[in-house]
Amino acid sequence: MLRVIARGGAEADCKSPTALWYDLENPDDAEEAEVEASLRVDVPTPAERAAFEESARYYEEGDTLHLTATLLGRREEGRFVSGPVTFILTNGKLVTVRHISPRAFEIGQGRASARIGSAQTGADVLLALVEGAAERLADLLAEVTTDANTLSQRVFDEADTVDLRAALRDLGKLGALAALSHDSLSSLQRLLVYSRASQNKYAFDPARLSALARDVNELERIAEAMQPRFAYLQDAMLGLINAQQTNVLKALSLATIAFVPPTLIASIFGMNFEAMSWFEHDWGPWVGFALMIIAPAALFAIAKWRRWF
């Protein structure tokens, strides 16, 4: 889908002289060709946009600046996914190519939309989109932190009643989202570093660019600091699960102590050898019953003395 935004934030035609931002979302060949013909730019292929090399993500071709960042978006079912978003600056206009739907790209919603409406150049639009992406990542990190705190309190305060397997699964989802956020922030940080090197040529606002770089760097440090915390919580939950399994094994051991000795004695008394004539006396069954009680009681006493449970 091709969407063209003019100055003021209104949608426009691809050939409009006031067109400022050309947004290609899941574009087909015809839409890419239309943008390439209108702006005389080369839209990278999906394979080129997915490359991780610095030279493939941040480069210049003549008077055109190509920048690719990894951003977060949602699928229709609500799950977060990450994917490359390419920004192409040429002649004061911006082209974006993407296959995900970051919230910052939603015109008419959020703070980024107001900044886009007041943008005068493609560089202003790019900074507005990056600022919107950074703000969304900050909100996500705050939500992840709150959810992790709630989950840890629930697990450690109610360790005997909470479903630890479900809690571990929830923790894994939070950790994965924090890792995706960290990757996206790291990508934005590199994009801003390259943009600062070209700020004069492509009319970036130096003060705004520097402030944004500081914010992204701080968010990246926060996301990085969260990783050891998630590792600790994961180890703690696995330890609690192991403790629960140990308690189950203790219960099975107690059952073994209670039933195995009587079973052994009963099987001995069930032998019909002629030499075991004392089993035939009237007092034989009572001896068997007494041994069935004394044997597990003695084992329980030994286990308690050795502190096995």
Protein backbone atom coordinates (compact mmCIF):
# COMPACT_ATOMS: atom_id res chain seq x y z
CA MET A 1 0.00 0.00 0.00
CA LEU A 2 1.31 3.45 -0.95
CA ARG A 3 0.36 6.43 1.16
CA VAL A 4 1.55 9.98 0.39
CA ILE A 5 1.47 12.69 3.07
CA ALA A 6 1.84 16.36 2.19
CA ARG A 7 2.82 19.29 4.41
CA GLY A 8 0.25 19.75 7.14
CA GLY A 9 -0.36 16.02 7.48
CA ALA A 10 -3.00 15.64 4.76
CA GLU A 11 -2.89 12.86 2.22
CA ALA A 12 -1.89 13.82 -1.30
CA ASP A 13 -1.21 12.43 -4.74
CA CYS A 14 2.14 10.89 -5.54
CA LYS A 15 2.99 13.71 -7.95
CA SER A 16 1.81 16.53 -5.70
CA PRO A 17 4.40 19.33 -5.32
CA THR A 18 3.65 19.50 -1.57
CA ALA A 19 4.16 15.75 -1.05
CA LEU A 20 6.60 15.22 1.81
CA TRP A 21 6.39 11.59 2.91
CA TYR A 22 5.92 8.49 0.74
CA ASP A 23 5.04 5.53 2.94
CA LEU A 24 5.27 2.06 1.34
CA GLU A 25 3.69 -0.63 3.51
CA ASN A 26 3.91 -4.15 2.05
CA PRO A 27 4.35 -2.56 -1.39
CA ASP A 28 3.89 -4.36 -4.68
CA ASP A 29 6.12 -3.86 -7.71
CA ALA A 30 3.83 -1.23 -9.26
CA GLU A 31 3.86 0.96 -6.13
CA GLU A 32 7.64 0.72 -5.83
CA ALA A 33 8.03 1.61 -9.50
CA GLU A 34 5.74 4.62 -9.10
CA VAL A 35 7.81 6.01 -6.21
CA GLU A 36 11.08 5.29 -7.97
CA ALA A 37 9.88 7.12 -11.09
CA SER A 38 8.54 10.10 -9.15
CA LEU A 39 11.61 10.64 -6.94
CA ARG A 40 14.33 8.93 -8.95
CA VAL A 41 15.37 6.72 -6.06
CA ASP A 42 16.17 3.04 -5.81
CA VAL A 43 13.90 1.24 -3.32
CA PRO A 44 15.88 -1.59 -1.64
CA THR A 45 14.65 -5.16 -2.06
CA PRO A 46 13.38 -7.13 0.96
CA ALA A 47 16.67 -9.03 1.08
CA GLU A 48 18.65 -5.77 1.13
CA ARG A 49 16.44 -4.34 3.88
CA ALA A 50 16.89 -7.47 6.02
CA ALA A 51 20.71 -7.37 5.85
CA PHE A 52 22.57 -6.77 9.13
CA GLU A 53 25.76 -5.29 7.71
CA GLU A 54 26.31 -1.63 8.55
CA SER A 55 27.19 -0.90 4.93
CA ALA A 56 23.85 -2.34 3.78
CA ARG A 57 21.78 -0.45 6.34
CA TYR A 58 23.38 2.99 6.40
CA TYR A 59 24.75 4.42 3.17
CA GLU A 60 24.49 7.25 0.63
CA GLU A 61 23.88 7.08 -3.10
CA GLY A 62 24.57 10.46 -4.62
CA ASP A 63 22.27 12.91 -2.84
CA THR A 64 20.13 10.16 -1.32
CA LEU A 65 20.51 8.89 2.24
CA HIS A 66 19.44 5.31 3.04
CA LEU A 67 18.86 4.35 6.69
CA THR A 68 17.35 1.09 7.95
CA ALA A 69 16.23 0.47 11.53
CA THR A 70 14.63 -2.51 13.26
CA LEU A 71 11.31 -1.41 14.79
CA LEU A 72 8.47 -3.11 16.64
CA GLY A 73 4.97 -3.51 15.30
CA ARG A 74 1.91 -5.65 15.99
CA ARG A 75 0.38 -8.42 13.98
CA GLU A 76 -3.38 -8.61 13.57
CA GLU A 77 -3.61 -11.06 16.49
CA GLY A 78 -1.88 -8.52 18.75
CA ARG A 79 1.53 -10.16 19.07
CA PHE A 80 4.60 -7.93 18.82
CA VAL A 81 7.02 -8.56 15.96
CA SER A 82 10.14 -6.77 14.82
CA GLY A 83 11.17 -5.98 11.29
CA PRO A 84 13.32 -3.63 9.22
CA VAL A 85 12.02 -0.18 8.27
CA THR A 86 13.97 1.69 5.60
CA PHE A 87 14.10 5.49 5.51
CA ILE A 88 15.17 7.16 2.24
CA LEU A 89 15.86 10.90 2.25
CA THR A 90 16.14 12.64 -1.12
CA ASN A 91 15.56 16.25 -2.16
CA GLY A 92 13.83 17.13 1.10
CA LYS A 93 11.37 14.24 0.84
CA LEU A 94 11.17 10.99 2.80
CA VAL A 95 10.35 7.48 1.60
CA THR A 96 9.69 4.70 4.11
CA VAL A 97 9.51 1.02 3.20
CA ARG A 98 8.19 -1.46 5.74
CA HIS A 99 6.31 -4.71 6.32
CA ILE A 100 5.27 -4.06 9.92
CA SER A 101 2.92 -1.49 11.50
CA PRO A 102 4.65 0.62 14.17
CA ARG A 103 2.28 2.92 16.03
CA ALA A 104 4.40 5.96 15.15
CA PHE A 105 3.36 5.52 11.50
CA GLU A 106 -0.36 5.82 12.28
CA ILE A 107 -1.38 9.29 11.08
CA GLY A 108 -4.00 10.92 13.31
CA GLN A 109 -2.93 9.07 16.45
CA GLY A 110 -0.31 9.90 19.06
CA ARG A 111 2.30 12.58 19.52
CA ALA A 112 4.27 11.60 16.42
CA SER A 113 1.27 12.51 14.23
CA ALA A 114 1.30 16.10 15.54
CA ARG A 115 5.01 16.40 14.79
CA ILE A 116 4.49 15.04 11.28
CA GLY A 117 1.75 17.62 10.71
CA SER A 118 4.17 20.44 11.51
CA ALA A 119 7.09 18.97 9.52
CA GLN A 120 8.56 21.07 6.72
CA THR A 121 11.13 18.64 5.32
CA GLY A 122 11.61 14.91 4.97
CA ALA A 123 14.25 15.07 7.71
CA ASP A 124 11.60 16.49 10.08
CA VAL A 125 9.29 13.60 9.26
CA LEU A 126 12.10 11.07 9.84
CA LEU A 127 12.89 12.56 13.25
CA ALA A 128 9.18 12.61 14.13
CA LEU A 129 8.88 8.92 13.26
CA VAL A 130 12.01 7.98 15.22
CA GLU A 131 10.81 10.04 18.20
CA GLY A 132 7.46 8.26 18.05
CA ALA A 133 9.17 4.87 17.89
CA ALA A 134 11.41 5.78 20.85
CA GLU A 135 8.43 6.95 22.90
CA ARG A 136 6.58 3.73 22.15
CA LEU A 137 9.61 1.67 23.18
CA ALA A 138 9.83 3.67 26.42
CA ASP A 139 6.16 2.86 27.12
CA LEU A 140 6.78 -0.82 26.37
CA LEU A 141 9.77 -0.96 28.71
CA ALA A 142 7.69 0.67 31.45
CA GLU A 143 4.90 -1.88 30.91
CA VAL A 144 7.38 -4.77 30.91
CA THR A 145 8.93 -3.51 34.16
CA THR A 146 5.53 -3.20 35.83
CA ASP A 147 4.41 -6.64 34.65
CA ALA A 148 7.70 -8.21 35.76
CA ASN A 149 7.36 -6.64 39.23
CA THR A 150 3.78 -7.87 39.54
CA LEU A 151 4.75 -11.35 38.38
CA SER A 152 7.72 -11.61 40.77
CA GLN A 153 5.59 -10.48 43.74
CA ARG A 154 2.90 -13.01 42.86
CA VAL A 155 5.42 -15.83 42.52
CA PHE A 156 7.48 -15.14 45.63
CA ASP A 157 4.54 -14.19 47.87
CA GLU A 158 2.34 -17.12 46.82
CA ALA A 159 4.90 -19.74 45.86
CA ASP A 160 2.73 -22.58 47.19
CA THR A 161 -0.39 -21.70 45.20
CA VAL A 162 0.75 -19.99 41.99
CA ASP A 163 1.08 -21.96 38.76
CA LEU A 164 4.84 -21.69 38.31
CA ARG A 165 4.83 -23.15 34.81
CA ALA A 166 2.36 -20.52 33.61
CA ALA A 167 4.34 -17.83 35.44
CA LEU A 168 7.54 -19.00 33.75
CA ARG A 169 5.80 -18.83 30.38
CA ASP A 170 4.63 -15.25 31.11
CA LEU A 171 8.14 -14.31 32.18
CA GLY A 172 9.51 -15.68 28.91
CA LYS A 173 7.12 -13.47 26.94
CA LEU A 174 8.18 -10.40 28.92
CA GLY A 175 11.86 -11.24 28.47
CA ALA A 176 11.39 -11.72 24.73
CA LEU A 177 9.63 -8.34 24.44
CA ALA A 178 12.42 -6.65 26.41
CA ALA A 179 15.01 -8.26 24.12
CA LEU A 180 13.14 -7.07 21.01
CA SER A 181 12.97 -3.56 22.48
CA HIS A 182 16.71 -3.60 23.17
CA ASP A 183 17.47 -4.68 19.60
CA SER A 184 15.25 -1.92 18.23
CA LEU A 185 16.85 0.73 20.44
CA SER A 186 20.32 -0.43 19.46
CA SER A 187 19.32 -0.14 15.80
CA LEU A 188 17.91 3.37 16.32
CA GLN A 189 21.09 4.40 18.12
CA ARG A 190 23.22 3.42 15.13
CA LEU A 191 20.79 5.17 12.78
CA LEU A 192 21.07 8.40 14.77
CA VAL A 193 24.86 8.22 14.84
CA TYR A 194 24.93 7.99 11.05
CA SER A 195 22.33 10.77 10.77
CA ARG A 196 24.45 13.12 12.89
CA ALA A 197 27.35 12.61 10.51
CA SER A 198 25.10 13.81 7.66
CA GLN A 199 23.01 16.38 9.53
CA ASN A 200 24.14 19.42 7.55
CA LYS A 201 23.71 17.84 4.13
CA TYR A 202 20.17 16.58 4.78
CA ALA A 203 18.87 19.44 6.97
CA PHE A 204 18.54 17.58 10.26
CA ASP A 205 17.88 19.75 13.30
CA PRO A 206 21.14 19.31 15.31
CA ALA A 207 19.61 20.07 18.73
CA ARG A 208 16.66 17.78 18.15
CA LEU A 209 18.90 15.04 16.79
CA SER A 210 21.27 15.25 19.78
CA ALA A 211 18.39 15.18 22.29
CA LEU A 212 16.86 12.17 20.57
CA ALA A 213 20.21 10.36 20.54
CA ARG A 214 20.56 10.91 24.31
CA ASP A 215 17.05 9.61 24.97
CA VAL A 216 17.57 6.50 22.85
CA ASN A 217 20.92 5.82 24.50
CA GLU A 218 19.34 6.04 27.96
CA LEU A 219 16.51 3.73 26.95
CA GLU A 220 19.00 1.27 25.50
CA ARG A 221 20.87 1.17 28.83
CA ILE A 222 17.60 0.56 30.68
CA ALA A 223 16.68 -2.30 28.34
CA GLU A 224 20.15 -3.80 28.67
CA ALA A 225 19.99 -3.60 32.48
CA MET A 226 16.71 -5.55 32.43
CA GLN A 227 18.29 -8.68 30.94
CA PRO A 228 20.15 -9.83 34.12
CA ARG A 229 16.97 -9.24 36.10
CA PHE A 230 14.96 -11.50 33.83
CA ALA A 231 17.72 -14.12 34.04
CA TYR A 232 17.55 -13.95 37.85
CA LEU A 233 13.76 -14.30 37.89
CA GLN A 234 13.97 -17.24 35.48
CA ASP A 235 16.54 -19.01 37.67
CA ALA A 236 14.43 -18.33 40.77
CA MET A 237 11.29 -19.76 39.16
CA LEU A 238 13.16 -22.83 37.94
CA GLY A 239 14.45 -23.26 41.50
CA LEU A 240 10.90 -23.09 42.87
CA ILE A 241 9.75 -25.64 40.30
CA ASN A 242 12.60 -27.95 41.33
CA ALA A 243 11.59 -27.46 44.98
CA GLN A 244 8.02 -28.47 44.14
CA GLN A 245 9.28 -31.56 42.32
CA THR A 246 11.46 -32.39 45.32
CA ASN A 247 8.41 -32.21 47.57
CA VAL A 248 6.61 -34.63 45.26
CA LEU A 249 9.55 -37.00 45.43
CA LYS A 250 9.51 -36.73 49.23
CA ALA A 251 5.84 -37.68 49.24
CA LEU A 252 6.59 -40.67 47.02
CA SER A 253 9.46 -41.65 49.33
CA LEU A 254 7.13 -41.56 52.33
CA ALA A 255 4.68 -43.76 50.46
CA THR A 256 7.52 -46.14 49.68
CA ILE A 257 8.55 -46.30 53.34
CA ALA A 258 4.94 -46.91 54.37
CA PHE A 259 4.04 -49.65 51.90
CA VAL A 260 7.17 -51.44 50.68
CA PRO A 261 8.20 -53.08 54.02
CA PRO A 262 4.69 -54.47 54.70
CA THR A 263 4.54 -55.71 51.11
CA LEU A 264 7.89 -57.48 51.55
CA ILE A 265 6.78 -59.07 54.82
CA ALA A 266 3.46 -60.15 53.33
CA SER A 267 5.26 -61.77 50.37
CA ILE A 268 7.57 -63.64 52.80
CA PHE A 269 4.61 -64.90 54.80
CA GLY A 270 3.00 -65.97 51.57
CA MET A 271 5.76 -68.49 50.83
CA ASN A 272 4.50 -72.04 51.22
CA PHE A 273 7.78 -73.79 51.97
CA GLU A 274 7.45 -76.77 54.35
CA ALA A 275 10.46 -75.60 56.38
CA MET A 276 8.57 -72.44 57.38
CA SER A 277 6.33 -74.32 59.77
CA TRP A 278 6.14 -71.53 62.33
CA PHE A 279 3.88 -69.65 59.94
CA GLU A 280 1.26 -72.31 60.63
CA HIS A 281 0.97 -71.54 64.35
CA ASP A 282 -1.91 -69.50 65.71
CA TRP A 283 0.40 -66.65 66.63
CA GLY A 284 1.96 -66.52 63.09
CA PRO A 285 -0.46 -63.97 61.57
CA TRP A 286 -0.08 -61.67 64.58
CA VAL A 287 3.69 -61.76 64.21
CA GLY A 288 3.27 -60.79 60.54
CA PHE A 289 0.94 -57.92 61.42
CA ALA A 290 3.33 -56.69 64.10
CA LEU A 291 6.27 -56.76 61.69
CA MET A 292 4.23 -54.88 59.09
CA ILE A 293 3.72 -52.06 61.61
CA ILE A 294 7.15 -52.10 63.25
CA ALA A 295 9.19 -52.08 59.99
CA PRO A 296 7.78 -48.84 58.47
CA ALA A 297 7.71 -47.19 61.91
CA ALA A 298 11.42 -47.97 62.33
CA LEU A 299 12.17 -46.62 58.85
CA PHE A 300 10.21 -43.43 59.61
CA ALA A 301 12.19 -42.97 62.82
CA ILE A 302 15.51 -43.43 61.01
CA ALA A 303 14.49 -41.00 58.26
CA LYS A 304 13.44 -38.41 60.83
CA TRP A 305 16.70 -38.88 62.75
CA ARG A 306 18.74 -38.43 59.56
CA ARG A 307 16.56 -35.42 58.57
CA TRP A 308 15.63 -36.85 55.20
CA PHE A 309 12.35 -34.93 55.36
